[in-house]
C-alpha atoms as a PDB file:
ATOM      1  CA  MET A   1      69.548   5.146 -46.954  1.00  0.00           C
ATOM      2  CA  PRO A   2      66.558   5.621 -45.171  1.00  0.00           C
ATOM      3  CA  PRO A   3      66.336   7.389 -42.091  1.00  0.00           C
ATOM      4  CA  PRO A   4      65.687   5.001 -38.597  1.00  0.00           C
ATOM      5  CA  PRO A   5      62.586   4.812 -37.247  1.00  0.00           C
ATOM      6  CA  ALA A   6      61.506   6.742 -34.633  1.00  0.00           C
ATOM      7  CA  PRO A   7      61.275   5.608 -31.384  1.00  0.00           C
ATOM      8  CA  LEU A   8      58.160   4.214 -29.615  1.00  0.00           C
ATOM      9  CA  LYS A   9      56.403   6.358 -27.388  1.00  0.00           C
ATOM     10  CA  PRO A  10      56.497   4.576 -24.039  1.00  0.00           C
ATOM     11  CA  LEU A  11      52.510   3.677 -23.145  1.00  0.00           C
ATOM     12  CA  PRO A  12      51.239   5.934 -20.604  1.00  0.00           C
ATOM     13  CA  HIS A  13      51.403   5.428 -17.040  1.00  0.00           C
ATOM     14  CA  TRP A  14      47.758   4.513 -16.352  1.00  0.00           C
ATOM     15  CA  LEU A  15      47.643   1.571 -18.887  1.00  0.00           C
ATOM     16  CA  LEU A  16      47.923  -2.081 -17.625  1.00  0.00           C
ATOM     17  CA  ARG A  17      51.425  -4.198 -18.573  1.00  0.00           C
ATOM     18  CA  GLN A  18      50.468  -7.627 -20.454  1.00  0.00           C
ATOM     19  CA  GLY A  19      50.674  -9.480 -17.421  1.00  0.00           C
ATOM     20  CA  GLU A  20      48.403  -6.998 -15.433  1.00  0.00           C
ATOM     21  CA  GLN A  21      46.121  -7.493 -18.685  1.00  0.00           C
ATOM     22  CA  ALA A  22      46.035 -11.307 -18.435  1.00  0.00           C
ATOM     23  CA  THR A  23      45.429 -11.430 -14.718  1.00  0.00           C
ATOM     24  CA  VAL A  24      42.322  -8.893 -14.942  1.00  0.00           C
ATOM     25  CA  ALA A  25      41.491 -11.008 -18.272  1.00  0.00           C
ATOM     26  CA  ILE A  26      41.369 -14.343 -16.298  1.00  0.00           C
ATOM     27  CA  LEU A  27      38.906 -12.357 -13.129  1.00  0.00           C
ATOM     28  CA  ILE A  28      36.823 -11.163 -15.462  1.00  0.00           C
ATOM     29  CA  GLY A  29      36.460 -14.800 -17.544  1.00  0.00           C
ATOM     30  CA  ALA A  30      35.936 -16.062 -13.994  1.00  0.00           C
ATOM     31  CA  GLY A  31      33.464 -14.053 -13.089  1.00  0.00           C
ATOM     32  CA  LEU A  32      31.496 -14.877 -16.121  1.00  0.00           C
ATOM     33  CA  LEU A  33      31.914 -18.601 -16.124  1.00  0.00           C
ATOM     34  CA  SER A  34      30.390 -18.367 -12.587  1.00  0.00           C
ATOM     35  CA  LEU A  35      27.494 -15.925 -13.218  1.00  0.00           C
ATOM     36  CA  ILE A  36      26.535 -18.264 -16.409  1.00  0.00           C
ATOM     37  CA  GLY A  37      26.656 -21.634 -13.906  1.00  0.00           C
ATOM     38  CA  TRP A  38      24.609 -19.774 -11.414  1.00  0.00           C
ATOM     39  CA  TRP A  39      22.196 -19.023 -13.836  1.00  0.00           C
ATOM     40  CA  ALA A  40      22.114 -22.461 -15.256  1.00  0.00           C
ATOM     41  CA  TRP A  41      21.935 -24.056 -11.502  1.00  0.00           C
ATOM     42  CA  GLN A  42      18.425 -21.811 -11.008  1.00  0.00           C
ATOM     43  CA  GLY A  43      16.863 -23.110 -14.237  1.00  0.00           C
ATOM     44  CA  GLY A  44      17.536 -20.183 -16.625  1.00  0.00           C
ATOM     45  CA  ALA A  45      18.632 -22.759 -19.264  1.00  0.00           C
ATOM     46  CA  ARG A  46      15.519 -24.428 -18.376  1.00  0.00           C
ATOM     47  CA  GLY A  47      13.415 -20.977 -19.217  1.00  0.00           C
ATOM     48  CA  ARG A  48      12.591 -21.000 -15.457  1.00  0.00           C
ATOM     49  CA  THR A  49      12.843 -17.691 -13.918  1.00  0.00           C
ATOM     50  CA  VAL A  50      14.907 -16.625 -10.820  1.00  0.00           C
ATOM     51  CA  GLU A  51      12.660 -17.211  -7.960  1.00  0.00           C
ATOM     52  CA  ILE A  52      12.742 -14.001  -5.798  1.00  0.00           C
ATOM     53  CA  GLU A  53      11.627 -14.234  -1.968  1.00  0.00           C
ATOM     54  CA  GLN A  54       8.760 -11.826  -1.880  1.00  0.00           C
ATOM     55  CA  ALA A  55       6.120 -11.012   0.700  1.00  0.00           C
ATOM     56  CA  GLY A  56       2.699 -12.618   0.293  1.00  0.00           C
ATOM     57  CA  PRO A  57      -0.012 -10.247  -1.279  1.00  0.00           C
ATOM     58  CA  GLN A  58      -1.924  -8.420   1.523  1.00  0.00           C
ATOM     59  CA  THR A  59      -5.123  -6.651   1.657  1.00  0.00           C
ATOM     60  CA  ALA A  60      -5.662  -2.677   2.723  1.00  0.00           C
ATOM     61  CA  ARG A  61      -8.628  -2.783   4.866  1.00  0.00           C
ATOM     62  CA  TYR A  62     -11.147   0.398   3.536  1.00  0.00           C
ATOM     63  CA  GLN A  63     -13.045   1.653   6.632  1.00  0.00           C
ATOM     64  CA  VAL A  64     -15.040   4.702   6.875  1.00  0.00           C
ATOM     65  CA  ASP A  65     -16.401   6.742  10.229  1.00  0.00           C
ATOM     66  CA  ILE A  66     -20.065   7.610   8.841  1.00  0.00           C
ATOM     67  CA  ASN A  67     -20.213  10.589  10.977  1.00  0.00           C
ATOM     68  CA  LYS A  68     -16.603  12.374   9.521  1.00  0.00           C
ATOM     69  CA  ALA A  69     -16.839  10.722   5.952  1.00  0.00           C
ATOM     70  CA  ASP A  70     -18.021  12.580   2.917  1.00  0.00           C
ATOM     71  CA  TRP A  71     -19.986  11.142  -0.260  1.00  0.00           C
ATOM     72  CA  PRO A  72     -16.848  10.104  -1.954  1.00  0.00           C
ATOM     73  CA  GLU A  73     -15.937   7.682   0.588  1.00  0.00           C
ATOM     74  CA  PHE A  74     -19.174   6.401   0.769  1.00  0.00           C
ATOM     75  CA  ALA A  75     -19.456   5.621  -2.650  1.00  0.00           C
ATOM     76  CA  ASN A  76     -16.629   3.907  -2.724  1.00  0.00           C
ATOM     77  CA  LEU A  77     -18.290   1.278  -0.723  1.00  0.00           C
ATOM     78  CA  PRO A  78     -19.929  -1.686  -2.313  1.00  0.00           C
ATOM     79  CA  GLY A  79     -23.531  -1.461  -3.490  1.00  0.00           C
ATOM     80  CA  VAL A  80     -23.548   2.167  -2.214  1.00  0.00           C
ATOM     81  CA  GLY A  81     -23.729   4.801  -5.518  1.00  0.00           C
ATOM     82  CA  ARG A  82     -23.352   8.376  -5.419  1.00  0.00           C
ATOM     83  CA  LYS A  83     -26.911   9.145  -4.923  1.00  0.00           C
ATOM     84  CA  LEU A  84     -27.151   7.162  -2.053  1.00  0.00           C
ATOM     85  CA  ALA A  85     -23.817   8.378  -0.529  1.00  0.00           C
ATOM     86  CA  GLU A  86     -25.397  12.056  -0.795  1.00  0.00           C
ATOM     87  CA  ARG A  87     -28.235  10.656   1.254  1.00  0.00           C
ATOM     88  CA  ILE A  88     -26.351   9.246   4.001  1.00  0.00           C
ATOM     89  CA  VAL A  89     -24.672  12.782   4.240  1.00  0.00           C
ATOM     90  CA  GLN A  90     -27.569  14.844   3.931  1.00  0.00           C
ATOM     91  CA  SER A  91     -29.052  12.456   6.700  1.00  0.00           C
ATOM     92  CA  ARG A  92     -26.258  13.298   8.734  1.00  0.00           C
ATOM     93  CA  GLU A  93     -26.339  16.648   7.840  1.00  0.00           C
ATOM     94  CA  GLN A  94     -30.270  17.281   8.755  1.00  0.00           C
ATOM     95  CA  ALA A  95     -30.949  14.599  11.966  1.00  0.00           C
ATOM     96  CA  GLY A  96     -27.396  14.643  13.249  1.00  0.00           C
ATOM     97  CA  PRO A  97     -24.666  12.445  13.688  1.00  0.00           C
ATOM     98  CA  PHE A  98     -25.454   8.351  13.872  1.00  0.00           C
ATOM     99  CA  ALA A  99     -25.308   7.139  17.227  1.00  0.00           C
ATOM    100  CA  ASP A 100     -24.594   3.644  16.103  1.00  0.00           C
ATOM    101  CA  ILE A 101     -24.230   1.878  12.549  1.00  0.00           C
ATOM    102  CA  GLU A 102     -28.033   0.787  13.066  1.00  0.00           C
ATOM    103  CA  ASP A 103     -28.861   4.278  12.374  1.00  0.00           C
ATOM    104  CA  LEU A 104     -28.231   4.161   9.128  1.00  0.00           C
ATOM    105  CA  ARG A 105     -31.549   2.322   8.714  1.00  0.00           C
ATOM    106  CA  ARG A 106     -33.052   5.698   8.692  1.00  0.00           C
ATOM    107  CA  VAL A 107     -31.216   6.560   5.586  1.00  0.00           C
ATOM    108  CA  ARG A 108     -34.020   5.702   2.684  1.00  0.00           C
ATOM    109  CA  GLY A 109     -32.070   2.956   0.331  1.00  0.00           C
ATOM    110  CA  ILE A 110     -30.218   1.100   2.910  1.00  0.00           C
ATOM    111  CA  GLY A 111     -32.331  -1.723   4.432  1.00  0.00           C
ATOM    112  CA  ALA A 112     -31.050  -4.833   6.660  1.00  0.00           C
ATOM    113  CA  ARG A 113     -29.466  -6.195   3.841  1.00  0.00           C
ATOM    114  CA  THR A 114     -27.458  -3.480   2.700  1.00  0.00           C
ATOM    115  CA  LEU A 115     -26.398  -2.577   6.369  1.00  0.00           C
ATOM    116  CA  GLN A 116     -25.228  -6.364   6.616  1.00  0.00           C
ATOM    117  CA  THR A 117     -23.171  -5.952   3.744  1.00  0.00           C
ATOM    118  CA  LEU A 118     -21.595  -2.488   4.441  1.00  0.00           C
ATOM    119  CA  ARG A 119     -21.055  -3.869   8.130  1.00  0.00           C
ATOM    120  CA  PRO A 120     -17.293  -4.582   8.240  1.00  0.00           C
ATOM    121  CA  TYR A 121     -16.395  -1.053   6.538  1.00  0.00           C
ATOM    122  CA  PHE A 122     -17.696   0.840   9.102  1.00  0.00           C
ATOM    123  CA  ARG A 123     -15.086   2.218  11.933  1.00  0.00           C
ATOM    124  CA  PRO A 124     -16.301   0.782  15.342  1.00  0.00           C
ATOM    125  CA  MET A 125     -18.703   3.201  16.688  1.00  0.00           C
ATOM    126  CA  PRO A 126     -17.986   4.397  20.877  1.00  0.00           C
ATOM    127  CA  LYS A 127     -20.412   3.231  23.225  1.00  0.00           C
ATOM    128  CA  GLN A 128     -22.800   5.333  23.797  1.00  0.00           C
ATOM    129  CA  GLU A 129     -21.772   5.469  27.700  1.00  0.00           C
ATOM    130  CA  ALA A 130     -18.341   6.245  26.388  1.00  0.00           C
ATOM    131  CA  ILE A 131     -19.486   9.553  24.921  1.00  0.00           C
ATOM    132  CA  ALA A 132     -19.032  12.533  27.307  1.00  0.00           C
ATOM    133  CA  GLY A 133     -22.275  14.668  27.627  1.00  0.00           C
ATOM    134  CA  LYS A 134     -24.596  11.738  26.774  1.00  0.00           C
ATOM    135  CA  LYS A 135     -26.903  10.195  29.369  1.00  0.00           C
ATOM    136  CA  GLY A 136     -24.883   7.399  31.645  1.00  0.00           C
ATOM    137  CA  GLY A 137     -21.670   8.908  29.796  1.00  0.00           C
ATOM    138  CA  ALA A 138     -18.843  10.457  31.228  1.00  0.00           C
ATOM    139  CA  GLY A 139     -19.830  13.724  31.759  1.00  0.00           C
ATOM    140  CA  PRO A 140     -20.678  16.212  34.440  1.00  0.00           C
ATOM    141  CA  PRO A 141     -23.287  15.120  36.821  1.00  0.00           C
ATOM    142  CA  ALA A 142     -27.087  16.067  35.885  1.00  0.00           C
ATOM    143  CA  GLU A 143     -27.890  19.005  38.411  1.00  0.00           C
ATOM    144  CA  PRO A 144     -30.943  18.232  40.460  1.00  0.00           C
ATOM    145  CA  GLU A 145     -34.388  19.636  39.650  1.00  0.00           C
ATOM    146  CA  SER A 146     -35.708  21.981  41.922  1.00  0.00           C
END
């Protein structure tokens, strides 16, 4: 007579019972069907991509302070190459800071047309009257000459 079969080991306590497994399977199936239905409703079955709200394209404004910028900053401006950018910086170092944007005309290679093209790329210059120590500015009053 053969020996009796060994008793089955009980399942570990962390596994789900058969009824719980069926419930989990039904919930996963319902979620999957919902996801497929939403995808088809959004046009996925027709090859359309799902549209996501996005901010419109934004533009960055590139502006240069003509009295502080180095030549690489000037070279990024339209129509200004390395040589012209270096001449702008050299002019500023030799003749002093630019009083206004029109002073750029003193640089060889910058004419009226080039200046008009570059004007939107320059930061606004302070008014001469607002600069301390300048004639008519907010500096201390000049002492009378004797």
